[in-house]
Protein backbone atom coordinates (compact mmCIF):
# COMPACT_ATOMS: atom_id res chain seq x y z
CA UNK A 1 0.26 -0.31 -0.41
CA UNK A 2 2.74 2.04 0.99
CA UNK A 3 4.51 2.20 -2.42
CA UNK A 4 1.00 3.00 -3.76
CA UNK A 5 1.16 6.02 -1.99
CA UNK A 6 4.65 7.43 -2.93
CA UNK A 7 2.93 7.20 -7.23
CA UNK A 8 0.92 9.71 -5.95
CA UNK A 9 2.72 12.80 -6.29
CA UNK A 10 4.05 11.71 -9.70
CA UNK A 11 0.21 11.03 -11.19
CA UNK A 12 -0.34 14.49 -9.52
CA UNK A 13 2.29 16.04 -11.39
CA UNK A 14 1.84 14.35 -14.53
CA UNK A 15 -1.98 15.18 -14.32
CA UNK A 16 -0.99 19.06 -14.23
CA UNK A 17 1.27 18.38 -16.83
CA UNK A 18 -0.74 17.20 -18.99
CA UNK A 19 -3.50 19.86 -18.14
CA UNK A 20 -0.65 22.72 -19.47
CA UNK A 21 -0.48 20.69 -22.43
CA UNK A 22 -4.20 20.36 -23.06
CA UNK A 23 -4.63 24.31 -22.27
CA UNK A 24 -1.77 24.87 -24.86
CA UNK A 25 -3.86 22.77 -27.78
CA UNK A 26 -7.03 24.65 -26.99
CA UNK A 27 -5.44 28.10 -27.41
CA UNK A 28 -3.51 27.08 -30.45
CA UNK A 29 -6.57 25.62 -31.65
CA UNK A 30 -7.92 29.00 -31.77
CA UNK A 31 -5.03 30.52 -34.28
CA UNK A 32 -6.20 29.78 -37.55
CA UNK A 33 -7.26 32.82 -38.12
CA UNK A 34 -6.94 36.80 -36.94
CA UNK A 35 -9.62 38.81 -35.93
CA UNK A 36 -10.10 41.77 -38.71
CA UNK A 37 -8.36 44.95 -38.22
CA UNK A 38 -11.00 47.86 -38.18
CA UNK A 39 -8.26 50.44 -39.26
CA UNK A 40 -4.87 50.46 -39.47
CA UNK A 41 -3.22 52.79 -37.39
CA UNK A 42 0.57 53.88 -37.77
CA UNK A 43 2.52 51.34 -35.70
CA UNK A 44 5.69 51.71 -34.03
CA UNK A 45 7.82 48.93 -34.04
CA UNK A 46 10.79 49.34 -30.92
CA UNK A 47 13.75 46.98 -31.16
CA UNK A 48 16.21 47.76 -28.45
CA UNK A 49 19.14 45.90 -28.83
CA UNK A 50 22.53 45.01 -27.12
CA UNK A 51 24.96 42.13 -28.90
CA UNK A 52 24.86 40.13 -31.42
CA UNK A 53 22.27 37.30 -31.05
CA UNK A 54 21.49 34.19 -32.97
CA UNK A 55 20.35 35.36 -36.60
CA UNK A 56 20.31 38.60 -35.54
CA UNK A 57 20.08 40.19 -39.11
CA UNK A 58 17.17 37.29 -40.38
CA UNK A 59 15.43 38.22 -37.45
CA UNK A 60 15.78 42.12 -37.78
CA UNK A 61 14.86 41.38 -41.77
CA UNK A 62 11.60 39.52 -41.46
CA UNK A 63 9.75 42.72 -39.58
CA UNK A 64 10.84 44.28 -42.93
CA UNK A 65 8.27 42.32 -44.59
CA UNK A 66 4.71 42.44 -42.46
CA UNK A 67 1.12 42.61 -44.22
CA UNK A 68 0.24 45.50 -42.97
CA UNK A 69 0.45 49.22 -45.11
CA UNK A 70 1.60 51.54 -42.14
CA UNK A 71 4.08 50.92 -39.43
CA UNK A 72 7.49 51.68 -38.72
CA UNK A 73 10.96 50.18 -37.43
CA UNK A 74 13.08 51.96 -34.68
CA UNK A 75 16.31 50.37 -33.79
CA UNK A 76 17.82 51.35 -30.29
CA UNK A 77 21.50 50.53 -28.81
CA UNK A 78 22.97 52.13 -26.08
CA UNK A 79 26.49 52.19 -27.38
CA UNK A 80 28.83 52.75 -30.69
CA UNK A 81 30.51 49.88 -30.16
CA UNK A 82 27.82 47.70 -30.14
CA UNK A 83 27.71 44.63 -31.52
CA UNK A 84 24.63 44.82 -33.18
CA UNK A 85 25.78 48.16 -35.10
CA UNK A 86 27.18 46.56 -38.33
CA UNK A 87 23.98 44.27 -38.39
CA UNK A 88 21.87 47.22 -38.30
CA UNK A 89 23.91 49.38 -40.65
CA UNK A 90 23.60 46.46 -43.25
CA UNK A 91 19.92 46.43 -43.07
CA UNK A 92 19.33 49.87 -43.62
CA UNK A 93 21.88 49.85 -46.18
CA UNK A 94 20.21 46.80 -48.13
CA UNK A 95 16.78 48.14 -47.42
CA UNK A 96 16.99 51.83 -48.70
CA UNK A 97 13.35 52.01 -49.24
CA UNK A 98 11.84 51.01 -45.31
CA UNK A 99 10.69 52.96 -43.03
CA UNK A 100 12.92 52.19 -40.46
CA UNK A 101 16.22 54.27 -38.41
CA UNK A 102 18.74 53.93 -35.78
CA UNK A 103 18.99 56.03 -32.58
CA UNK A 104 21.40 55.95 -30.41
CA UNK A 105 19.56 55.48 -26.79
CA UNK A 106 20.71 56.75 -22.82
CA UNK A 107 21.63 53.59 -20.86
CA UNK A 108 21.75 55.79 -17.67
CA UNK A 109 17.90 56.67 -18.29
CA UNK A 110 16.75 53.83 -16.20
CA UNK A 111 18.32 50.97 -13.72
CA UNK A 112 16.63 48.47 -16.50
CA UNK A 113 18.68 48.86 -19.21
CA UNK A 114 15.93 47.82 -21.94
CA UNK A 115 13.53 50.57 -20.44
CA UNK A 116 16.17 53.14 -20.93
CA UNK A 117 16.50 51.82 -24.18
CA UNK A 118 12.57 51.84 -24.78
CA UNK A 119 12.46 55.21 -23.21
CA UNK A 120 14.85 56.91 -25.91
CA UNK A 121 12.91 55.23 -28.50
CA UNK A 122 9.27 56.94 -27.58
CA UNK A 123 10.07 60.34 -28.41
CA UNK A 124 11.27 59.08 -31.85
CA UNK A 125 7.60 56.96 -32.79
CA UNK A 126 5.03 58.76 -34.39
CA UNK A 127 2.77 55.55 -33.99
CA UNK A 128 -0.24 55.52 -31.66
CA UNK A 129 0.38 51.38 -31.35
CA UNK A 130 3.98 50.45 -30.07
CA UNK A 131 5.15 47.03 -30.79
CA UNK A 132 8.09 45.78 -28.07
CA UNK A 133 9.46 42.74 -29.50
CA UNK A 134 13.15 41.47 -28.41
CA UNK A 135 16.20 40.59 -30.87
CA UNK A 136 15.97 36.65 -31.44
CA UNK A 137 12.45 37.16 -32.06
CA UNK A 138 11.13 35.88 -35.92
CA UNK A 139 7.65 37.02 -37.28
CA UNK A 140 5.61 36.17 -40.06
CA UNK A 141 3.50 38.45 -42.59
CA UNK A 142 0.31 38.24 -40.08
CA UNK A 143 1.94 39.58 -37.36
CA UNK A 144 1.29 42.86 -36.96
CA UNK A 145 -2.57 42.43 -38.26
CA UNK A 146 -3.08 39.80 -35.75
CA UNK A 147 -1.45 41.68 -32.80
CA UNK A 148 -3.62 45.53 -34.14
CA UNK A 149 -6.90 43.58 -34.99
CA UNK A 150 -6.79 41.89 -31.26
CA UNK A 151 -5.57 45.35 -30.22
CA UNK A 152 -9.02 47.14 -31.54
CA UNK A 153 -11.21 44.84 -29.60
CA UNK A 154 -13.03 45.76 -26.30
CA UNK A 155 -11.03 47.57 -23.57
CA UNK A 156 -7.73 45.57 -24.65
CA UNK A 157 -4.59 47.55 -23.40
CA UNK A 158 -1.78 45.20 -24.46
CA UNK A 159 -1.68 42.19 -26.73
CA UNK A 160 1.37 39.78 -26.51
CA UNK A 161 2.15 36.33 -28.15
CA UNK A 162 3.12 32.81 -27.61
CA UNK A 163 5.88 31.93 -28.41
CA UNK A 164 7.88 29.04 -29.78
CA UNK A 165 11.72 28.18 -29.65
CA UNK A 166 13.00 27.58 -32.68
CA UNK A 167 15.82 26.82 -34.84
CA UNK A 168 18.11 24.36 -32.57
CA UNK A 169 21.48 23.48 -33.71
CA UNK A 170 23.60 22.81 -30.31
CA UNK A 171 22.28 21.17 -26.88
CA UNK A 172 22.23 24.24 -25.01
CA UNK A 173 19.93 25.66 -27.69
CA UNK A 174 17.70 22.62 -27.86
CA UNK A 175 17.31 22.53 -24.25
CA UNK A 176 16.45 26.42 -24.12
CA UNK A 177 13.85 25.30 -26.85
CA UNK A 178 12.31 22.39 -24.79
CA UNK A 179 11.89 24.71 -21.99
CA UNK A 180 9.79 27.52 -24.13
CA UNK A 181 7.96 25.01 -25.99
CA UNK A 182 7.20 22.10 -23.00
CA UNK A 183 6.72 24.74 -20.01
CA UNK A 184 6.82 28.31 -20.49
CA UNK A 185 4.28 28.65 -23.58
CA UNK A 186 1.71 25.73 -21.90
CA UNK A 187 1.88 27.84 -18.56
CA UNK A 188 1.30 30.76 -20.64
CA UNK A 189 -1.88 29.22 -21.89
CA UNK A 190 -3.16 27.86 -18.72
CA UNK A 191 -2.60 31.27 -17.36
CA UNK A 192 -4.42 33.20 -19.89
CA UNK A 193 -7.33 31.06 -19.38
CA UNK A 194 -7.44 29.87 -15.78
CA UNK A 195 -4.84 32.13 -14.08
CA UNK A 196 -5.69 35.03 -12.33
CA UNK A 197 -4.13 37.73 -14.75
CA UNK A 198 -2.51 36.48 -18.19
CA UNK A 199 1.33 37.03 -18.52
CA UNK A 200 2.77 39.44 -20.29
CA UNK A 201 5.45 38.48 -22.30
CA UNK A 202 8.35 41.28 -23.59
CA UNK A 203 9.62 38.80 -26.64
CA UNK A 204 6.31 40.35 -28.00
CA UNK A 205 4.09 43.13 -26.95
CA UNK A 206 1.66 45.83 -28.47
CA UNK A 207 0.00 48.14 -26.29
CA UNK A 208 -1.57 51.77 -26.97
CA UNK A 209 0.82 54.43 -26.65
CA UNK A 210 -2.20 56.32 -24.92
CA UNK A 211 -1.79 54.01 -22.81
CA UNK A 212 1.80 54.11 -22.11
CA UNK A 213 0.96 58.16 -22.02
CA UNK A 214 -1.68 57.77 -18.95
CA UNK A 215 0.46 55.69 -16.79
CA UNK A 216 3.91 58.09 -16.74
CA UNK A 217 5.71 56.79 -19.37
CA UNK A 218 8.59 53.80 -19.27
CA UNK A 219 10.24 55.02 -16.80
CA UNK A 220 7.70 54.20 -14.20
CA UNK A 221 8.67 50.72 -14.73
CA UNK A 222 12.91 51.36 -15.57
CA UNK A 223 13.38 50.57 -11.96
CA UNK A 224 11.71 46.71 -12.56
CA UNK A 225 13.96 44.08 -14.06
CA UNK A 226 10.27 42.06 -15.35
CA UNK A 227 9.66 45.28 -17.01
CA UNK A 228 7.06 43.03 -19.44
CA UNK A 229 5.15 41.90 -15.81
CA UNK A 230 5.29 45.41 -13.97
CA UNK A 231 3.98 46.81 -17.54
CA UNK A 232 0.95 44.40 -17.72
CA UNK A 233 0.20 45.12 -13.94
CA UNK A 234 -0.14 48.35 -14.40
CA UNK A 235 -2.80 48.05 -17.45
CA UNK A 236 -4.85 45.37 -15.88
CA UNK A 237 -4.81 47.96 -12.34
CA UNK A 238 -6.61 50.56 -14.75
CA UNK A 239 -9.03 48.66 -15.58
CA UNK A 240 -7.93 47.38 -18.87
CA UNK A 241 -7.76 44.28 -20.17
CA UNK A 242 -4.31 42.11 -21.47
CA UNK A 243 -5.24 39.40 -23.89
CA UNK A 244 -3.02 36.59 -25.00
CA UNK A 245 -3.12 35.73 -28.94
CA UNK A 246 -3.18 32.38 -29.87
CA UNK A 247 -0.69 32.70 -32.81
CA UNK A 248 3.35 32.29 -31.87
CA UNK A 249 6.15 33.45 -33.11
CA UNK A 250 9.21 32.01 -33.69
CA UNK A 251 12.08 32.81 -30.86
CA UNK A 252 15.43 31.63 -32.40
CA UNK A 253 17.87 29.77 -30.79
CA UNK A 254 20.43 27.96 -32.84
CA UNK A 255 23.90 28.46 -31.39
CA UNK A 256 23.64 29.21 -27.71
CA UNK A 257 25.79 26.90 -25.13
CA UNK A 258 24.87 25.05 -22.31
CA UNK A 259 25.98 27.83 -19.79
CA UNK A 260 24.30 30.30 -21.43
CA UNK A 261 20.79 28.52 -21.41
CA UNK A 262 21.50 28.23 -17.62
CA UNK A 263 22.45 31.56 -16.79
CA UNK A 264 19.48 32.59 -18.49
CA UNK A 265 16.97 29.99 -16.74
CA UNK A 266 18.68 31.03 -13.60
CA UNK A 267 17.91 34.80 -14.16
CA UNK A 268 14.22 33.89 -14.88
CA UNK A 269 13.82 31.53 -12.01
CA UNK A 270 15.25 34.47 -9.23
CA UNK A 271 12.58 37.07 -11.08
CA UNK A 272 9.65 34.39 -10.98
CA UNK A 273 11.03 33.99 -6.99
CA UNK A 274 10.89 38.11 -5.98
CA UNK A 275 7.49 38.13 -7.91
CA UNK A 276 5.97 35.23 -6.15
CA UNK A 277 7.58 33.02 -3.50
CA UNK A 278 5.25 30.76 -2.47
CA UNK A 279 4.14 30.29 -6.38
CA UNK A 280 7.79 29.57 -7.21
CA UNK A 281 8.13 27.10 -4.13
CA UNK A 282 5.75 24.44 -5.83
CA UNK A 283 7.20 24.98 -9.78
CA UNK A 284 8.71 21.62 -8.97
CA UNK A 285 5.85 20.16 -8.65
CA UNK A 286 4.99 20.96 -12.17
CA UNK A 287 7.81 18.20 -13.35
CA UNK A 288 6.78 14.69 -13.59
CA UNK A 289 10.52 13.47 -13.91
CA UNK A 290 12.04 15.56 -10.81
CA UNK A 291 8.71 14.31 -8.74
CA UNK A 292 8.79 10.43 -9.95
CA UNK A 293 12.88 10.45 -9.42
CA UNK A 294 12.53 12.39 -6.00
CA UNK A 295 10.05 9.44 -5.16
CA UNK A 296 12.11 6.94 -6.26
CA UNK A 297 14.85 8.20 -3.44
CA UNK A 298 12.31 8.16 -0.75
CA UNK A 299 10.85 5.00 -1.51
CA UNK A 300 12.77 2.64 -3.85
CA UNK A 301 9.98 0.14 -5.33
CA UNK A 302 8.44 -1.62 -8.56
CA UNK A 303 6.13 0.89 -8.47
CA UNK A 304 7.98 4.14 -7.65
CA UNK A 305 10.18 2.83 -10.62
CA UNK A 306 7.37 2.43 -12.99
CA UNK A 307 5.82 5.90 -12.32
CA UNK A 308 9.85 7.49 -13.18
CA UNK A 309 9.11 5.43 -16.53
CA UNK A 310 5.62 6.56 -17.40
CA UNK A 311 6.64 10.50 -16.26
CA UNK A 312 9.92 10.41 -18.93
CA UNK A 313 7.97 8.74 -21.64
CA UNK A 314 5.10 10.98 -20.79
CA UNK A 315 7.52 14.46 -20.75
CA UNK A 316 9.36 13.10 -23.93
CA UNK A 317 5.95 12.56 -25.84
CA UNK A 318 4.52 15.95 -24.84
CA UNK A 319 7.84 17.53 -25.68
CA UNK A 320 7.19 16.69 -29.36
CA UNK A 321 3.84 17.42 -29.04
CA UNK A 322 3.85 21.07 -28.01
CA UNK A 323 6.75 21.74 -30.58
CA UNK A 324 5.24 20.29 -33.27
CA UNK A 325 1.74 22.51 -31.84
CA UNK A 326 3.61 26.03 -31.64
CA UNK A 327 6.26 25.86 -34.78
CA UNK A 328 4.34 23.24 -37.12
CA UNK A 329 7.81 21.50 -37.13
CA UNK A 330 8.81 18.58 -34.90
CA UNK A 331 12.25 18.42 -33.08
CA UNK A 332 14.71 16.49 -34.20
CA UNK A 333 15.35 13.11 -32.95
CA UNK A 334 18.71 13.50 -31.75
CA UNK A 335 17.76 16.96 -29.63
CA UNK A 336 14.61 14.95 -28.17
CA UNK A 337 16.17 13.21 -25.54
CA UNK A 338 17.24 16.12 -23.93
CA UNK A 339 13.78 16.25 -22.14
CA UNK A 340 15.00 13.97 -19.71
CA UNK A 341 17.91 16.09 -18.71
CA UNK A 342 15.97 19.48 -19.22
CA UNK A 343 14.22 19.30 -15.97
CA UNK A 344 16.69 18.64 -13.99
CA UNK A 345 18.88 22.02 -15.57
CA UNK A 346 15.77 23.74 -14.28
CA UNK A 347 15.70 22.34 -10.89
CA UNK A 348 19.01 23.13 -10.38
CA UNK A 349 18.15 26.83 -11.55
CA UNK A 350 14.94 26.57 -9.08
CA UNK A 351 17.45 25.65 -6.04
CA UNK A 352 19.96 27.91 -6.82
CA UNK A 353 17.94 30.81 -6.79
CA UNK A 354 16.95 30.72 -3.22
CA UNK A 355 20.46 31.49 -2.05
CA UNK A 356 20.77 34.87 -4.33
CA UNK A 357 18.96 37.84 -5.03
CA UNK A 358 21.75 39.14 -7.34
CA UNK A 359 21.34 38.19 -11.72
CA UNK A 360 23.50 39.53 -14.67
CA UNK A 361 21.83 40.69 -17.48
CA UNK A 362 23.18 43.27 -20.55
CA UNK A 363 26.65 43.38 -18.91
CA UNK A 364 24.99 44.62 -15.61
CA UNK A 365 24.83 42.79 -12.23
CA UNK A 366 21.50 43.70 -10.93
CA UNK A 367 20.20 42.79 -6.62
CA UNK A 368 16.97 41.85 -7.37
CA UNK A 369 14.02 43.03 -4.50
CA UNK A 370 10.25 42.20 -4.18
CA UNK A 371 8.47 41.88 -7.40
CA UNK A 372 12.00 42.08 -9.38
CA UNK A 373 12.19 45.97 -8.02
CA UNK A 374 15.97 46.30 -8.65
CA UNK A 375 17.80 47.10 -5.31
CA UNK A 376 21.40 47.91 -6.82
CA UNK A 377 23.30 47.74 -9.93
CA UNK A 378 26.85 47.70 -11.00
CA UNK A 379 29.34 46.93 -13.95
CA UNK A 380 29.17 43.06 -14.19
CA UNK A 381 32.90 42.01 -13.22
CA UNK A 382 32.31 38.08 -12.42
CA UNK A 383 31.25 34.83 -14.23
CA UNK A 384 27.21 34.03 -13.17
CA UNK A 385 28.22 30.55 -11.50
CA UNK A 386 30.06 33.22 -8.94
CA UNK A 387 27.48 35.44 -8.53
CA UNK A 388 24.67 32.64 -8.44
CA UNK A 389 26.36 31.59 -5.29
CA UNK A 390 27.23 34.68 -3.19
CA UNK A 391 25.61 35.66 0.10
CA UNK A 392 21.77 36.28 0.00
CA UNK A 393 21.12 39.60 0.07
CA UNK A 394 18.53 40.03 2.92
C-alpha cells in the first residue's frame, strides 16, 4: 500500500503537466485566423538591441516584410561599440526604402537597461500603437495584422503572443527550446485561461501609446527587472484588458551554449521567486520527472520505478507534441532525448535561486528585490556561477 502512496505525487504532477499541454492545445486551436483590423493605425516597432544574437540580421529583416500598410521600425542601441550596430547598418543599407531608422539611447535613463532604451526610442515613435519585440524574435507576415486586430477589441490595452523555441543546432539551444515549448508556452496558455491574470511576455507586446502615456511613460517601470510583468500589472490595475494571442512567434535559439541557457534560466528563476515565493516554491511539482525521481529516492520500489518510466515517456511525448503545435515542425530526434535532462537543469536553477538575488544581464550585475524591483546595479565583473553562489541579500 505504501508503494502506491508514493506514486500519487507523480500522478498529480503528470496530471498538472498534461493539463497545461491540453490548455496549449485549446489555445492553439484558435490560431487559424486573426481578427480583422477595423482600421490600420500607424504602428511603431521598437527594437531595443544589445549584442549580435542568433540570426539577428534575419530576425530583424523579418520585420521589414509584414502584411500591414502603415508601420515604422526603430532600432535602438546604447553604445556605438555594440556588436549589433554593423548588422543594423547593413539592414538600413540593403533596404533604403524601408521606414526604418537607428536611435542611440541613454543607458543611464533607467536601472533596467531595456527600459532605458525604450525610454529613448518612444520620442522618435510616431505611431499610436507601440510594438516591443526582442532581438531573437522572428515573425511572419501576419504579425502586425494579428496584434493590431486584437488590440482593437473592447477595452484591450495590451496584446502579447505565445512564442515557440526554434532553430536548435546545439545542445544548449535545444534545451532552451524544449523549456520554451514544453513548459513556458503551455504555462502562458494555462494562465491565460484559468489564472488570476495573463502573463505579459516581453518577447512580443502590442500596446496603445496613449496607455503608456497614461501610466507616466516607460520610466514608471524602469526600476523593475521584469518590466513586461510590471507593465501588464499597471495596465490591468487601470481596468484595462491584456490578451494573449493564440498565434506564436518564433524565438530563435540556434547556437547558444549550455552555460548561456543555464544563466538565462537562473536569471528568470530569481525573477519568478521575487514575484511570488509561494508560486515559485511549488514549481518542481509541475515536473513529473523530478517528482518521480524523488519518489524513488524516498521509497525505492517497482511501483515508483514504473512511475518514473511513465513520467519520462510522458514528458518526452509532450515535448514532441507541444513543439509540433507551436512551430508546425517537430524537434529532431537527436535532441528530443534532452527532455530527460532539461527538468534537472531547471531544477538546479530553481534551487540556486533561493540563495541569491543577484543576476547578470546585458553586462550589468543587478540585485533584485520584491516583485523584481532593482535594488542595486553595477557593471558585471564576475561569472554568473560566482554571483549565483554569493551570500543571499537580505
